């Protein structure tokens, strides 16, 4: 994450958001699995079998948020859980929009 600059911050994020959708053409189950994982309840995320995966996903997103804050591209005056939820909602909205137009 430290290699991201103000100029290179957003393009990888946009590509990352599209990756599950693009992969779903070759492996349709993958898109559903990624989307289902994103909708797990807090309780389910703490189950031993899913906790490690959920922790990695949250850690990645929060590392991205921290770098964006360091670069002055993301707000730093909001709680972490709100920023995480905003990014998750953005992801869900873009998926809904893209799927409606396939």
Protein backbone atom coordinates (compact mmCIF):
# COMPACT_ATOMS: atom_id res chain seq x y z
CA UNK A 1 0.00 0.00 0.00
CA UNK A 2 2.87 2.38 0.72
CA UNK A 3 3.75 2.46 -2.97
CA UNK A 4 0.41 4.05 -3.82
CA UNK A 5 0.55 7.76 -4.54
CA UNK A 6 -2.19 10.34 -5.03
CA UNK A 7 -1.95 9.66 -8.78
CA UNK A 8 -1.98 5.85 -8.54
CA UNK A 9 -4.39 5.39 -5.62
CA UNK A 10 -7.75 5.01 -7.42
CA UNK A 11 -6.97 2.96 -10.59
CA UNK A 12 -6.03 -0.25 -8.71
CA UNK A 13 -9.16 0.14 -6.55
CA UNK A 14 -11.34 0.40 -9.66
CA UNK A 15 -9.67 -2.69 -11.13
CA UNK A 16 -10.12 -4.58 -7.87
CA UNK A 17 -13.83 -3.75 -7.85
CA UNK A 18 -14.22 -5.13 -11.39
CA UNK A 19 -12.13 -8.27 -10.88
CA UNK A 20 -14.82 -10.50 -9.29
CA UNK A 21 -17.28 -9.57 -12.03
CA UNK A 22 -14.76 -10.27 -14.78
CA UNK A 23 -13.76 -13.58 -13.21
CA UNK A 24 -17.41 -14.58 -12.95
CA UNK A 25 -17.59 -15.04 -16.71
CA UNK A 26 -15.10 -17.90 -16.43
CA UNK A 27 -16.18 -19.13 -12.99
CA UNK A 28 -19.75 -17.97 -12.28
CA UNK A 29 -19.76 -19.37 -8.75
CA UNK A 30 -16.86 -17.08 -7.76
CA UNK A 31 -18.86 -13.84 -8.02
CA UNK A 32 -21.61 -15.30 -5.83
CA UNK A 33 -19.11 -16.55 -3.28
CA UNK A 34 -17.37 -13.17 -3.01
CA UNK A 35 -20.71 -11.36 -2.72
CA UNK A 36 -21.99 -13.82 -0.12
CA UNK A 37 -18.83 -13.43 1.94
CA UNK A 38 -19.33 -9.69 1.94
CA UNK A 39 -22.83 -10.06 3.37
CA UNK A 40 -21.90 -12.30 6.28
CA UNK A 41 -23.16 -11.16 9.66
CA UNK A 42 -20.70 -10.10 12.35
CA UNK A 43 -21.44 -13.37 14.16
CA UNK A 44 -20.68 -15.46 11.08
CA UNK A 45 -17.44 -13.55 10.47
CA UNK A 46 -16.24 -14.73 13.86
CA UNK A 47 -16.82 -18.44 13.19
CA UNK A 48 -13.50 -20.21 13.15
CA UNK A 49 -13.87 -21.39 9.55
CA UNK A 50 -14.53 -17.86 8.23
CA UNK A 51 -12.73 -15.64 10.71
CA UNK A 52 -9.34 -15.73 9.00
CA UNK A 53 -10.76 -14.87 5.59
CA UNK A 54 -12.91 -12.08 7.02
CA UNK A 55 -9.94 -10.67 8.94
CA UNK A 56 -7.81 -10.59 5.78
CA UNK A 57 -10.55 -8.83 3.83
CA UNK A 58 -11.06 -6.21 6.55
CA UNK A 59 -7.30 -5.73 6.99
CA UNK A 60 -6.84 -5.17 3.24
CA UNK A 61 -9.67 -2.65 3.03
CA UNK A 62 -8.47 -0.81 6.12
CA UNK A 63 -4.87 -0.69 4.82
CA UNK A 64 -6.29 0.89 1.65
CA UNK A 65 -8.26 3.38 3.78
CA UNK A 66 -5.19 4.26 5.86
CA UNK A 67 -3.11 4.90 2.75
CA UNK A 68 -5.87 7.05 1.28
CA UNK A 69 -5.97 9.04 4.50
CA UNK A 70 -2.18 9.49 4.47
CA UNK A 71 -2.44 10.84 0.93
CA UNK A 72 -5.30 13.16 1.87
CA UNK A 73 -7.69 11.33 -0.51
CA UNK A 74 -9.98 9.85 2.14
CA UNK A 75 -11.44 11.50 5.20
CA UNK A 76 -9.77 10.82 8.51
CA UNK A 77 -12.48 12.32 10.74
CA UNK A 78 -14.90 9.39 10.43
CA UNK A 79 -14.94 6.11 12.41
CA UNK A 80 -13.23 3.12 10.78
CA UNK A 81 -16.39 1.03 10.75
CA UNK A 82 -18.28 3.79 8.91
CA UNK A 83 -15.54 4.07 6.27
CA UNK A 84 -15.55 0.30 5.84
CA UNK A 85 -19.34 0.26 5.48
CA UNK A 86 -19.25 3.12 2.94
CA UNK A 87 -16.77 1.21 0.78
CA UNK A 88 -18.83 -1.97 1.10
CA UNK A 89 -21.95 -0.04 0.05
CA UNK A 90 -20.07 1.44 -2.92
CA UNK A 91 -19.02 -2.06 -3.93
CA UNK A 92 -22.58 -3.36 -3.64
CA UNK A 93 -23.99 -0.43 -5.60
CA UNK A 94 -21.50 -0.77 -8.43
CA UNK A 95 -22.16 -4.52 -8.65
CA UNK A 96 -25.91 -3.95 -8.79
CA UNK A 97 -25.50 -1.31 -11.49
CA UNK A 98 -23.13 -3.47 -13.57
CA UNK A 99 -25.25 -6.61 -13.29
CA UNK A 100 -28.36 -4.73 -14.39
CA UNK A 101 -26.56 -3.67 -17.56
CA UNK A 102 -24.95 -6.96 -18.63
